[in-house]
Protein backbone atom coordinates (compact mmCIF):
# COMPACT_ATOMS: atom_id res chain seq x y z
CA MET A 1 -7.33 -5.45 17.71
CA PRO A 2 -6.15 -8.02 14.91
CA GLY A 3 -2.63 -9.33 15.35
CA PRO A 4 -0.37 -12.51 15.73
CA GLU A 5 -3.83 -14.93 15.81
CA TYR A 6 -3.56 -14.72 11.99
CA PHE A 7 -0.16 -16.07 11.98
CA SER A 8 1.49 -19.19 13.29
CA ASP A 9 4.98 -19.19 14.83
CA ARG A 10 6.49 -20.32 11.47
CA GLU A 11 4.94 -17.64 9.75
CA ILE A 12 5.96 -15.24 12.44
CA GLY A 13 9.33 -16.87 11.91
CA PHE A 14 9.32 -16.06 8.23
CA LEU A 15 8.30 -12.32 8.73
CA ARG A 16 10.99 -12.09 11.43
CA ALA A 17 13.71 -13.60 8.99
CA LEU A 18 12.60 -11.17 6.10
CA VAL A 19 13.03 -8.28 8.58
CA THR A 20 16.48 -9.68 9.75
CA GLU A 21 17.62 -10.30 6.11
CA GLU A 22 16.59 -6.42 5.53
CA VAL A 23 14.26 -7.26 2.75
CA ASP A 24 11.94 -4.48 1.80
CA PHE A 25 8.27 -5.50 1.91
CA MET A 26 4.92 -4.74 3.17
CA ILE A 27 1.89 -6.56 3.87
CA VAL A 28 -1.03 -5.25 1.51
CA GLY A 29 -4.81 -6.27 0.75
CA LEU A 30 -7.27 -7.42 3.21
CA ALA A 31 -4.61 -8.94 5.38
CA GLY A 32 -3.29 -5.44 5.80
CA ALA A 33 -6.61 -3.80 6.36
CA ALA A 34 -7.48 -6.44 9.09
CA LEU A 35 -4.32 -5.62 10.96
CA GLN A 36 -5.44 -2.12 10.95
CA GLY A 37 -8.62 -3.05 12.68
CA ALA A 38 -10.88 -3.97 9.73
CA PRO A 39 -13.31 -6.79 10.40
CA VAL A 40 -12.62 -8.69 7.45
CA VAL A 41 -11.59 -12.30 6.67
CA THR A 42 -9.01 -13.39 4.00
CA GLN A 43 -7.38 -16.65 2.94
CA GLY A 44 -4.05 -15.33 2.28
CA ILE A 45 -1.57 -12.68 3.25
CA ASP A 46 -0.34 -10.57 0.48
CA LEU A 47 3.49 -9.46 0.60
CA TRP A 48 4.60 -6.75 -1.89
CA PHE A 49 8.43 -6.78 -2.22
CA ARG A 50 10.30 -3.71 -3.42
CA ASP A 51 12.69 -6.35 -5.35
CA LEU A 52 11.83 -10.10 -6.10
CA THR A 53 15.42 -10.72 -6.65
CA ASP A 54 16.67 -9.73 -3.28
CA PRO A 55 18.74 -12.52 -2.26
CA GLY A 56 17.36 -12.02 1.39
CA ILE A 57 14.12 -13.37 0.45
CA LYS A 58 15.65 -16.98 -0.43
CA ARG A 59 17.76 -16.66 2.79
CA ALA A 60 14.69 -16.04 4.76
CA LEU A 61 12.79 -19.05 3.05
CA ARG A 62 15.65 -21.31 4.05
CA LYS A 63 15.53 -20.21 7.69
CA VAL A 64 11.91 -21.41 7.69
CA ALA A 65 12.34 -24.46 5.39
CA GLY A 66 10.62 -22.68 2.60
CA ALA A 67 11.21 -22.51 -0.98
CA TRP A 68 10.90 -20.24 -3.90
CA VAL A 69 8.73 -21.24 -6.89
CA PRO A 70 9.66 -19.33 -9.69
CA SER A 71 6.89 -17.86 -12.14
CA ILE A 72 5.58 -20.07 -14.89
CA GLY A 73 3.83 -18.64 -17.87
CA LEU A 74 1.43 -15.87 -16.49
CA ASN A 75 1.67 -17.30 -12.91
CA PRO A 76 3.63 -15.21 -10.50
CA PRO A 77 6.28 -16.70 -8.40
CA MET A 78 5.15 -18.25 -5.04
CA PHE A 79 6.38 -19.50 -1.86
CA ALA A 80 6.11 -23.12 -0.76
CA GLY A 81 6.63 -24.85 2.46
CA GLU A 82 4.71 -25.20 5.79
CA GLY A 83 5.57 -21.96 7.21
CA VAL A 84 5.05 -19.80 4.10
CA THR A 85 1.50 -21.15 2.92
CA LEU A 86 -0.50 -18.28 3.73
CA PHE A 87 1.90 -15.83 1.95
CA ASP A 88 1.20 -14.69 -1.46
CA ILE A 89 3.60 -12.53 -3.63
CA VAL A 90 2.17 -9.34 -5.08
CA ILE A 91 3.62 -8.16 -8.09
CA SER A 92 1.90 -4.64 -8.28
CA MET A 93 -1.09 -3.06 -6.81
CA HIS A 94 -3.69 -1.65 -9.30
CA GLY A 95 -4.41 1.90 -9.02
CA LEU A 96 -1.27 2.66 -6.96
CA GLY A 97 2.10 3.73 -7.67
CA ALA A 98 5.23 1.86 -7.55
CA PHE A 99 6.35 0.17 -4.44
CA GLU A 100 9.05 2.91 -3.91
CA GLU A 101 6.16 5.51 -3.67
CA GLU A 102 3.79 3.35 -1.91
CA ILE A 103 6.18 2.74 1.04
CA GLY A 104 5.80 6.16 2.29
CA HIS A 105 2.10 5.30 2.98
CA ALA A 106 3.03 2.22 4.99
CA LEU A 107 2.77 1.96 8.83
CA THR A 108 4.81 -0.15 11.09
CA ILE A 109 2.69 -2.87 12.91
CA ARG A 110 4.57 -5.20 15.57
CA LEU A 111 3.68 -8.92 15.34
CA GLU A 112 5.07 -10.61 18.23
CA GLY A 113 7.80 -8.02 18.51
CA VAL A 114 8.45 -8.19 14.60
CA PRO A 115 8.26 -4.76 13.01
CA VAL A 116 6.37 -5.09 9.83
CA ARG A 117 5.21 -2.49 7.37
CA VAL A 118 1.54 -2.50 6.30
CA LEU A 119 0.19 -0.54 3.51
CA SER A 120 -2.01 1.95 4.88
CA LEU A 121 -5.99 1.62 4.83
CA GLU A 122 -6.53 4.56 2.67
CA ARG A 123 -4.11 3.16 -0.11
CA ILE A 124 -5.67 -0.34 0.23
CA ILE A 125 -9.05 1.32 -0.29
CA THR A 126 -7.78 3.05 -3.45
CA SER A 127 -6.43 -0.12 -4.73
CA LYS A 128 -9.65 -1.93 -4.28
CA ARG A 129 -11.56 0.57 -6.04
CA ALA A 130 -9.27 0.46 -8.84
CA THR A 131 -9.52 -3.36 -9.18
CA ASN A 132 -13.24 -3.26 -8.94
CA ARG A 133 -13.79 -6.86 -8.78
CA GLU A 134 -17.03 -7.96 -7.17
CA LYS A 135 -15.34 -9.37 -4.12
CA ASP A 136 -13.48 -5.61 -3.87
CA GLN A 137 -16.95 -3.91 -4.08
CA LEU A 138 -18.45 -6.06 -1.39
CA VAL A 139 -15.75 -5.23 1.05
CA LEU A 140 -15.35 -1.60 0.35
CA PRO A 141 -18.21 -0.34 2.49
CA VAL A 142 -16.73 -1.97 5.58
CA LEU A 143 -13.16 -0.73 4.78
CA GLU A 144 -14.52 2.95 4.26
CA ASP A 145 -16.24 2.57 7.52
CA VAL A 146 -13.37 1.47 9.48
CA GLN A 147 -11.19 4.50 7.62
CA ARG A 148 -13.86 6.97 8.85
CA ILE A 149 -13.57 5.53 12.48
CA ILE A 150 -9.71 5.95 12.32
CA ALA A 151 -9.97 9.13 10.93
CA SER A 152 -12.35 10.35 13.71
CA ASP A 153 -10.30 8.60 16.43
CA SER A 154 -7.03 10.52 15.32
CA GLY A 155 -8.78 13.91 15.00
CA SER A 156 -10.33 13.76 18.54
CA GLY A 157 -6.92 12.73 20.20
CA ILE A 158 -8.41 9.42 21.27
CA ASP A 159 -5.66 6.63 20.78
CA GLY A 160 -7.98 4.03 19.35
CA GLY A 161 -6.10 1.01 20.59
CA ASP A 162 -3.26 1.60 18.19
CA ASP A 163 -0.52 0.54 20.57
CA GLN A 164 -2.32 -2.46 21.26
CA ALA A 165 -2.32 -3.48 17.48
CA ARG A 166 1.38 -2.55 17.12
CA SER A 167 2.68 -4.39 20.08
CA SER A 168 0.47 -7.41 20.42
CA ASP A 169 2.40 -10.43 21.48
CA SER A 170 -0.33 -13.10 22.23
CA GLY A 171 -0.05 -16.83 21.04
CA GLY A 172 -0.26 -18.33 17.48
CA ARG A 173 -3.20 -18.95 15.56
């Protein structure tokens, strides 16, 4: 099962700092799908925050020598710094409700002991369908296959390795 191999110690440190600062966020997009077992590759880790003005975000960034880059024009805000380069800020998710609604569809996965919330695969698929970009269309069959496997495993009483994904504590990237 995928897990911390996606993250360096600094990146785990940033996630840990966000959790310590009690920032409401969740991992979404293909990184979220990969953390649930989808055999996909992504270049970034999308973080969706309840409130981008939460001062805990900037405190967490300072803990890992990261910085907040405000939005300019149509470009959303972003993070800068060695420990946060993989993270992208998501403003909204196409085809989904507000963060407050969607957080109810998140699961908690432990990455090196850090409990992070990850949007459910079902909701990630819903968003990919609504976005309907060519790259989303290409990955949807894979995500749907994984969703069917997860559904059949949960219906059969088979664990499906869920505990392994949630508590994986192996090394960095």
